[in-house]
Amino acid sequence: MTIRTIYTSTALAFIGLLAMTKAIAQLAPLCVENSPERQGGIGCSVMRKELPAGLKEPVYWHIDRFASIEKARAAAGPASIAIEADGKAWLMTIESQISDHHGGRHEVEVGPLPLPKAAKYGLQINSAKFTPGMYSRVHSHSGVEAFYVLEGEQCLQTPTRAILLRKGEQAFVPTGTIMRLTASGTGIRYGIGIIIYDASQPSTMSMEDYSGPPLLPCK
């Protein structure tokens, strides 16, 4: 192999790496039950369940890690969902207790979360992997939404503030917040989000023709 060939191969590999990490603004795919994220690709996967009656504040989102998805599923209760994301098994639980980790390894708790006024609540969990620059549609929820970043960086834009989160960080926004999420930074953004919503309403309301106050950028 000649020096020129080696140089050309190296240059092409470098260009390919830049293409993978360069932020390119594009609309993110909608969340569906079995997106390519389930097989390690780009996408947003969603799971839902109805939460037990009588849910009252204070409540927290507990994130516990398990050695296998089988163990996470075995530990799941009426207010829990077991998922696989980022090559790991997780148990997501909504409860007031902050010391019970259900046999798993505690990762973080988020809250206390302000519940919407509702007779019944639903729980939706999104696990999403986006390339840099991907952004969601402007939308709101019929409940509180919380986020935990597994990898990379995200910017949540709202009319009143912008929330920048990096790996290992978490935050939540109250019911009805108008928002848009963008995968910021230079690498893959992989995150988990939950919505505790009014079960009598859709969890998400998309605003295709949003014309309200401008959404603030992350700095």
C-alpha atoms as a PDB file:
ATOM      1  CA  MET A   1       0.000   0.000   0.000  1.00  0.00           C
ATOM      2  CA  THR A   2       1.436   3.387  -0.986  1.00  0.00           C
ATOM      3  CA  ILE A   3       1.752   6.381   1.334  1.00  0.00           C
ATOM      4  CA  ARG A   4      -0.810   8.188  -0.800  1.00  0.00           C
ATOM      5  CA  THR A   5      -3.307   5.333  -0.362  1.00  0.00           C
ATOM      6  CA  ILE A   6      -2.766   5.335   3.415  1.00  0.00           C
ATOM      7  CA  TYR A   7      -3.255   9.099   3.517  1.00  0.00           C
ATOM      8  CA  THR A   8      -6.424   8.875   1.421  1.00  0.00           C
ATOM      9  CA  SER A   9      -7.900   6.127   3.621  1.00  0.00           C
ATOM     10  CA  THR A  10      -7.128   8.080   6.781  1.00  0.00           C
ATOM     11  CA  ALA A  11      -8.633  11.248   5.338  1.00  0.00           C
ATOM     12  CA  LEU A  12     -11.814   9.445   4.303  1.00  0.00           C
ATOM     13  CA  ALA A  13     -12.153   7.892   7.768  1.00  0.00           C
ATOM     14  CA  PHE A  14     -11.698  11.320   9.354  1.00  0.00           C
ATOM     15  CA  ILE A  15     -14.311  12.846   7.045  1.00  0.00           C
ATOM     16  CA  GLY A  16     -16.690  10.023   7.917  1.00  0.00           C
ATOM     17  CA  LEU A  17     -16.189  10.680  11.633  1.00  0.00           C
ATOM     18  CA  LEU A  18     -16.896  14.371  11.147  1.00  0.00           C
ATOM     19  CA  ALA A  19     -20.079  13.526   9.265  1.00  0.00           C
ATOM     20  CA  MET A  20     -21.233  11.342  12.140  1.00  0.00           C
ATOM     21  CA  THR A  21     -20.621  13.963  14.822  1.00  0.00           C
ATOM     22  CA  LYS A  22     -21.554  17.171  13.004  1.00  0.00           C
ATOM     23  CA  ALA A  23     -24.847  18.628  14.203  1.00  0.00           C
ATOM     24  CA  ILE A  24     -27.303  18.608  11.316  1.00  0.00           C
ATOM     25  CA  ALA A  25     -30.687  20.169  12.057  1.00  0.00           C
ATOM     26  CA  GLN A  26     -33.451  17.715  11.185  1.00  0.00           C
ATOM     27  CA  LEU A  27     -36.805  16.723  12.597  1.00  0.00           C
ATOM     28  CA  ALA A  28     -36.576  13.777  14.998  1.00  0.00           C
ATOM     29  CA  PRO A  29     -38.695  10.675  14.348  1.00  0.00           C
ATOM     30  CA  LEU A  30     -41.957  10.308  16.250  1.00  0.00           C
ATOM     31  CA  CYS A  31     -42.039   8.016  19.279  1.00  0.00           C
ATOM     32  CA  VAL A  32     -43.516   4.587  18.508  1.00  0.00           C
ATOM     33  CA  GLU A  33     -43.798   1.288  20.361  1.00  0.00           C
ATOM     34  CA  ASN A  34     -40.948  -0.501  18.576  1.00  0.00           C
ATOM     35  CA  SER A  35     -38.622   2.057  17.034  1.00  0.00           C
ATOM     36  CA  PRO A  36     -35.113   1.302  15.688  1.00  0.00           C
ATOM     37  CA  GLU A  37     -33.831   2.419  19.121  1.00  0.00           C
ATOM     38  CA  ARG A  38     -34.808  -1.060  20.331  1.00  0.00           C
ATOM     39  CA  GLN A  39     -32.125  -2.530  18.043  1.00  0.00           C
ATOM     40  CA  GLY A  40     -29.501   0.120  18.762  1.00  0.00           C
ATOM     41  CA  GLY A  41     -30.486   2.528  15.991  1.00  0.00           C
ATOM     42  CA  ILE A  42     -31.795   6.082  15.908  1.00  0.00           C
ATOM     43  CA  GLY A  43     -35.357   6.495  17.112  1.00  0.00           C
ATOM     44  CA  CYS A  44     -37.734   6.931  20.025  1.00  0.00           C
ATOM     45  CA  SER A  45     -39.484   3.975  21.662  1.00  0.00           C
ATOM     46  CA  VAL A  46     -42.523   4.378  23.896  1.00  0.00           C
ATOM     47  CA  MET A  47     -44.165   2.252  26.609  1.00  0.00           C
ATOM     48  CA  ARG A  48     -47.347   3.079  28.549  1.00  0.00           C
ATOM     49  CA  LYS A  49     -49.359   1.787  31.483  1.00  0.00           C
ATOM     50  CA  GLU A  50     -52.119   3.013  33.772  1.00  0.00           C
ATOM     51  CA  LEU A  51     -50.920   3.901  37.261  1.00  0.00           C
ATOM     52  CA  PRO A  52     -52.710   2.604  40.381  1.00  0.00           C
ATOM     53  CA  ALA A  53     -55.646   4.604  41.737  1.00  0.00           C
ATOM     54  CA  GLY A  54     -55.019   6.962  44.628  1.00  0.00           C
ATOM     55  CA  LEU A  55     -51.659   8.321  43.454  1.00  0.00           C
ATOM     56  CA  LYS A  56     -50.887  11.420  45.527  1.00  0.00           C
ATOM     57  CA  GLU A  57     -48.014  13.819  46.007  1.00  0.00           C
ATOM     58  CA  PRO A  58     -45.226  13.713  46.834  1.00  0.00           C
ATOM     59  CA  VAL A  59     -44.123  11.308  44.124  1.00  0.00           C
ATOM     60  CA  TYR A  60     -40.713  10.659  42.623  1.00  0.00           C
ATOM     61  CA  TRP A  61     -39.418   8.976  39.505  1.00  0.00           C
ATOM     62  CA  HIS A  62     -37.012   6.285  40.701  1.00  0.00           C
ATOM     63  CA  ILE A  63     -34.469   4.861  38.282  1.00  0.00           C
ATOM     64  CA  ASP A  64     -32.831   1.571  39.288  1.00  0.00           C
ATOM     65  CA  ARG A  65     -30.436  -0.536  37.244  1.00  0.00           C
ATOM     66  CA  PHE A  66     -30.557  -4.340  37.076  1.00  0.00           C
ATOM     67  CA  ALA A  67     -28.198  -7.057  35.887  1.00  0.00           C
ATOM     68  CA  SER A  68     -30.753  -8.290  33.344  1.00  0.00           C
ATOM     69  CA  ILE A  69     -34.112  -7.306  31.898  1.00  0.00           C
ATOM     70  CA  GLU A  70     -35.574 -10.503  33.372  1.00  0.00           C
ATOM     71  CA  LYS A  71     -34.639  -9.373  36.882  1.00  0.00           C
ATOM     72  CA  ALA A  72     -36.001  -5.877  36.225  1.00  0.00           C
ATOM     73  CA  ARG A  73     -39.301  -7.307  34.984  1.00  0.00           C
ATOM     74  CA  ALA A  74     -39.548  -9.608  37.995  1.00  0.00           C
ATOM     75  CA  ALA A  75     -39.160  -6.595  40.300  1.00  0.00           C
ATOM     76  CA  ALA A  76     -41.728  -4.448  38.473  1.00  0.00           C
ATOM     77  CA  GLY A  77     -44.865  -3.516  40.401  1.00  0.00           C
ATOM     78  CA  PRO A  78     -48.125  -1.779  39.463  1.00  0.00           C
ATOM     79  CA  ALA A  79     -46.341   1.596  39.258  1.00  0.00           C
ATOM     80  CA  SER A  80     -43.202   0.320  37.468  1.00  0.00           C
ATOM     81  CA  ILE A  81     -42.035  -0.356  33.921  1.00  0.00           C
ATOM     82  CA  ALA A  82     -38.906  -2.350  33.081  1.00  0.00           C
ATOM     83  CA  ILE A  83     -37.030  -1.273  29.949  1.00  0.00           C
ATOM     84  CA  GLU A  84     -33.781  -1.881  28.107  1.00  0.00           C
ATOM     85  CA  ALA A  85     -31.830   1.197  27.027  1.00  0.00           C
ATOM     86  CA  ASP A  86     -28.180   1.961  26.330  1.00  0.00           C
ATOM     87  CA  GLY A  87     -27.400  -1.757  26.606  1.00  0.00           C
ATOM     88  CA  LYS A  88     -28.636  -1.926  30.206  1.00  0.00           C
ATOM     89  CA  ALA A  89     -31.762  -3.055  32.073  1.00  0.00           C
ATOM     90  CA  TRP A  90     -33.693  -0.428  34.020  1.00  0.00           C
ATOM     91  CA  LEU A  91     -36.706  -0.272  36.315  1.00  0.00           C
ATOM     92  CA  MET A  92     -38.682   2.979  36.250  1.00  0.00           C
ATOM     93  CA  THR A  93     -40.964   3.396  39.270  1.00  0.00           C
ATOM     94  CA  ILE A  94     -43.343   6.162  40.343  1.00  0.00           C
ATOM     95  CA  GLU A  95     -43.745   6.268  44.127  1.00  0.00           C
ATOM     96  CA  SER A  96     -43.272   8.304  47.293  1.00  0.00           C
ATOM     97  CA  GLN A  97     -40.802   5.874  48.855  1.00  0.00           C
ATOM     98  CA  ILE A  98     -37.211   6.973  48.233  1.00  0.00           C
ATOM     99  CA  SER A  99     -35.294   4.153  49.948  1.00  0.00           C
ATOM    100  CA  ASP A 100     -36.675   1.012  48.240  1.00  0.00           C
ATOM    101  CA  HIS A 101     -34.695   0.113  45.109  1.00  0.00           C
ATOM    102  CA  HIS A 102     -36.569  -3.133  44.438  1.00  0.00           C
ATOM    103  CA  GLY A 103     -33.422  -5.245  44.390  1.00  0.00           C
ATOM    104  CA  GLY A 104     -31.655  -3.114  41.797  1.00  0.00           C
ATOM    105  CA  ARG A 105     -28.837  -0.603  41.967  1.00  0.00           C
ATOM    106  CA  HIS A 106     -30.089   2.915  42.559  1.00  0.00           C
ATOM    107  CA  GLU A 107     -29.248   5.336  39.761  1.00  0.00           C
ATOM    108  CA  VAL A 108     -31.170   8.505  40.612  1.00  0.00           C
ATOM    109  CA  GLU A 109     -34.547   9.813  41.715  1.00  0.00           C
ATOM    110  CA  VAL A 110     -36.231  12.798  40.090  1.00  0.00           C
ATOM    111  CA  GLY A 111     -38.727  14.965  41.922  1.00  0.00           C
ATOM    112  CA  PRO A 112     -40.867  15.549  43.784  1.00  0.00           C
ATOM    113  CA  LEU A 113     -42.987  15.771  40.657  1.00  0.00           C
ATOM    114  CA  PRO A 114     -46.054  18.065  40.505  1.00  0.00           C
ATOM    115  CA  LEU A 115     -48.986  15.922  39.387  1.00  0.00           C
ATOM    116  CA  PRO A 116     -51.726  17.304  37.150  1.00  0.00           C
ATOM    117  CA  LYS A 117     -55.238  17.268  38.586  1.00  0.00           C
ATOM    118  CA  ALA A 118     -56.802  14.047  37.322  1.00  0.00           C
ATOM    119  CA  ALA A 119     -59.018  11.169  38.424  1.00  0.00           C
ATOM    120  CA  LYS A 120     -56.612   8.622  36.895  1.00  0.00           C
ATOM    121  CA  TYR A 121     -53.009   8.807  35.777  1.00  0.00           C
ATOM    122  CA  GLY A 122     -51.090   7.164  32.979  1.00  0.00           C
ATOM    123  CA  LEU A 123     -47.336   6.641  32.771  1.00  0.00           C
ATOM    124  CA  GLN A 124     -45.468   6.962  29.485  1.00  0.00           C
ATOM    125  CA  ILE A 125     -41.774   6.187  29.119  1.00  0.00           C
ATOM    126  CA  ASN A 126     -39.769   7.309  26.082  1.00  0.00           C
ATOM    127  CA  SER A 127     -36.263   6.017  25.396  1.00  0.00           C
ATOM    128  CA  ALA A 128     -34.757   8.011  22.551  1.00  0.00           C
ATOM    129  CA  LYS A 129     -31.476   8.086  20.666  1.00  0.00           C
ATOM    130  CA  PHE A 130     -30.941  11.104  18.411  1.00  0.00           C
ATOM    131  CA  THR A 131     -28.054  12.355  16.301  1.00  0.00           C
ATOM    132  CA  PRO A 132     -26.702  15.883  16.972  1.00  0.00           C
ATOM    133  CA  GLY A 133     -29.065  18.555  15.714  1.00  0.00           C
ATOM    134  CA  MET A 134     -32.222  16.439  15.719  1.00  0.00           C
ATOM    135  CA  TYR A 135     -35.171  18.286  17.230  1.00  0.00           C
ATOM    136  CA  SER A 136     -38.708  17.412  18.262  1.00  0.00           C
ATOM    137  CA  ARG A 137     -41.877  19.111  17.143  1.00  0.00           C
ATOM    138  CA  VAL A 138     -43.122  21.876  19.413  1.00  0.00           C
ATOM    139  CA  HIS A 139     -45.499  20.183  21.832  1.00  0.00           C
ATOM    140  CA  SER A 140     -46.951  20.048  25.341  1.00  0.00           C
ATOM    141  CA  HIS A 141     -48.179  17.305  27.670  1.00  0.00           C
ATOM    142  CA  SER A 142     -51.254  16.680  29.819  1.00  0.00           C
ATOM    143  CA  GLY A 143     -48.930  15.966  32.707  1.00  0.00           C
ATOM    144  CA  VAL A 144     -45.485  16.483  34.170  1.00  0.00           C
ATOM    145  CA  GLU A 145     -42.495  15.380  32.062  1.00  0.00           C
ATOM    146  CA  ALA A 146     -39.094  14.437  33.463  1.00  0.00           C
ATOM    147  CA  PHE A 147     -35.808  13.645  31.742  1.00  0.00           C
ATOM    148  CA  TYR A 148     -32.634  11.679  32.487  1.00  0.00           C
ATOM    149  CA  VAL A 149     -29.682  11.804  30.056  1.00  0.00           C
ATOM    150  CA  LEU A 150     -27.804   8.551  29.486  1.00  0.00           C
ATOM    151  CA  GLU A 151     -25.389   9.871  26.874  1.00  0.00           C
ATOM    152  CA  GLY A 152     -24.580  13.164  25.188  1.00  0.00           C
ATOM    153  CA  GLU A 153     -26.424  16.427  25.666  1.00  0.00           C
ATOM    154  CA  GLN A 154     -29.906  17.865  25.176  1.00  0.00           C
ATOM    155  CA  CYS A 155     -31.474  21.304  25.145  1.00  0.00           C
ATOM    156  CA  LEU A 156     -35.102  21.712  26.213  1.00  0.00           C
ATOM    157  CA  GLN A 157     -36.489  25.002  24.906  1.00  0.00           C
ATOM    158  CA  THR A 158     -39.552  26.656  26.421  1.00  0.00           C
ATOM    159  CA  PRO A 159     -40.931  30.217  26.154  1.00  0.00           C
ATOM    160  CA  THR A 160     -39.650  31.092  29.641  1.00  0.00           C
ATOM    161  CA  ARG A 161     -36.373  29.190  29.994  1.00  0.00           C
ATOM    162  CA  ALA A 162     -33.992  26.782  28.322  1.00  0.00           C
ATOM    163  CA  ILE A 163     -32.701  23.716  30.164  1.00  0.00           C
ATOM    164  CA  LEU A 164     -29.366  22.200  29.114  1.00  0.00           C
ATOM    165  CA  LEU A 165     -28.749  18.665  30.388  1.00  0.00           C
ATOM    166  CA  ARG A 166     -25.681  16.479  29.974  1.00  0.00           C
ATOM    167  CA  LYS A 167     -24.954  12.841  30.755  1.00  0.00           C
ATOM    168  CA  GLY A 168     -26.145  11.892  34.250  1.00  0.00           C
ATOM    169  CA  GLU A 169     -28.257  15.027  34.697  1.00  0.00           C
ATOM    170  CA  GLN A 170     -32.016  15.244  35.165  1.00  0.00           C
ATOM    171  CA  ALA A 171     -34.851  17.774  35.254  1.00  0.00           C
ATOM    172  CA  PHE A 172     -38.626  18.051  34.945  1.00  0.00           C
ATOM    173  CA  VAL A 173     -41.189  20.530  33.617  1.00  0.00           C
ATOM    174  CA  PRO A 174     -44.798  20.941  34.821  1.00  0.00           C
ATOM    175  CA  THR A 175     -48.026  20.090  33.007  1.00  0.00           C
ATOM    176  CA  GLY A 176     -48.795  22.173  29.934  1.00  0.00           C
ATOM    177  CA  THR A 177     -45.247  23.435  29.328  1.00  0.00           C
ATOM    178  CA  ILE A 178     -44.721  24.328  25.667  1.00  0.00           C
ATOM    179  CA  MET A 179     -41.399  22.830  24.611  1.00  0.00           C
ATOM    180  CA  ARG A 180     -39.053  21.571  21.943  1.00  0.00           C
ATOM    181  CA  LEU A 181     -36.194  19.151  22.626  1.00  0.00           C
ATOM    182  CA  THR A 182     -32.962  19.278  20.616  1.00  0.00           C
ATOM    183  CA  ALA A 183     -29.987  16.917  20.647  1.00  0.00           C
ATOM    184  CA  SER A 184     -27.272  19.488  21.257  1.00  0.00           C
ATOM    185  CA  GLY A 185     -23.536  18.929  21.484  1.00  0.00           C
ATOM    186  CA  THR A 186     -21.429  16.926  19.024  1.00  0.00           C
ATOM    187  CA  GLY A 187     -22.316  13.338  19.890  1.00  0.00           C
ATOM    188  CA  ILE A 188     -25.294  11.018  20.091  1.00  0.00           C
ATOM    189  CA  ARG A 189     -27.941  12.059  22.599  1.00  0.00           C
ATOM    190  CA  TYR A 190     -29.485   9.076  24.385  1.00  0.00           C
ATOM    191  CA  GLY A 191     -32.061   9.825  27.041  1.00  0.00           C
ATOM    192  CA  ILE A 192     -35.069   8.561  28.929  1.00  0.00           C
ATOM    193  CA  GLY A 193     -38.156  10.652  29.521  1.00  0.00           C
ATOM    194  CA  ILE A 194     -41.323   9.981  31.478  1.00  0.00           C
ATOM    195  CA  ILE A 195     -44.729  11.631  31.416  1.00  0.00           C
ATOM    196  CA  ILE A 196     -47.238  11.212  34.257  1.00  0.00           C
ATOM    197  CA  TYR A 197     -50.377  12.409  32.526  1.00  0.00           C
ATOM    198  CA  ASP A 198     -54.137  12.681  32.855  1.00  0.00           C
ATOM    199  CA  ALA A 199     -55.316   9.258  31.645  1.00  0.00           C
ATOM    200  CA  SER A 200     -58.516  10.800  30.230  1.00  0.00           C
ATOM    201  CA  GLN A 201     -56.456  12.852  27.755  1.00  0.00           C
ATOM    202  CA  PRO A 202     -53.744  12.189  25.177  1.00  0.00           C
ATOM    203  CA  SER A 203     -50.315  12.334  26.792  1.00  0.00           C
ATOM    204  CA  THR A 204     -48.916  14.636  24.085  1.00  0.00           C
ATOM    205  CA  MET A 205     -50.349  17.518  22.086  1.00  0.00           C
ATOM    206  CA  SER A 206     -48.315  18.437  19.007  1.00  0.00           C
ATOM    207  CA  MET A 207     -48.269  22.073  17.868  1.00  0.00           C
ATOM    208  CA  GLU A 208     -47.492  21.833  14.159  1.00  0.00           C
ATOM    209  CA  ASP A 209     -48.229  25.524  13.498  1.00  0.00           C
ATOM    210  CA  TYR A 210     -46.944  27.000  16.747  1.00  0.00           C
ATOM    211  CA  SER A 211     -47.034  30.816  16.624  1.00  0.00           C
ATOM    212  CA  GLY A 212     -46.705  31.711  20.305  1.00  0.00           C
ATOM    213  CA  PRO A 213     -43.805  33.322  22.150  1.00  0.00           C
ATOM    214  CA  PRO A 214     -40.349  32.331  20.833  1.00  0.00           C
ATOM    215  CA  LEU A 215     -38.662  29.354  22.485  1.00  0.00           C
ATOM    216  CA  LEU A 216     -35.474  30.337  24.282  1.00  0.00           C
ATOM    217  CA  PRO A 217     -32.173  28.811  23.093  1.00  0.00           C
ATOM    218  CA  CYS A 218     -29.653  27.078  25.332  1.00  0.00           C
ATOM    219  CA  LYS A 219     -26.438  29.063  25.714  1.00  0.00           C
END
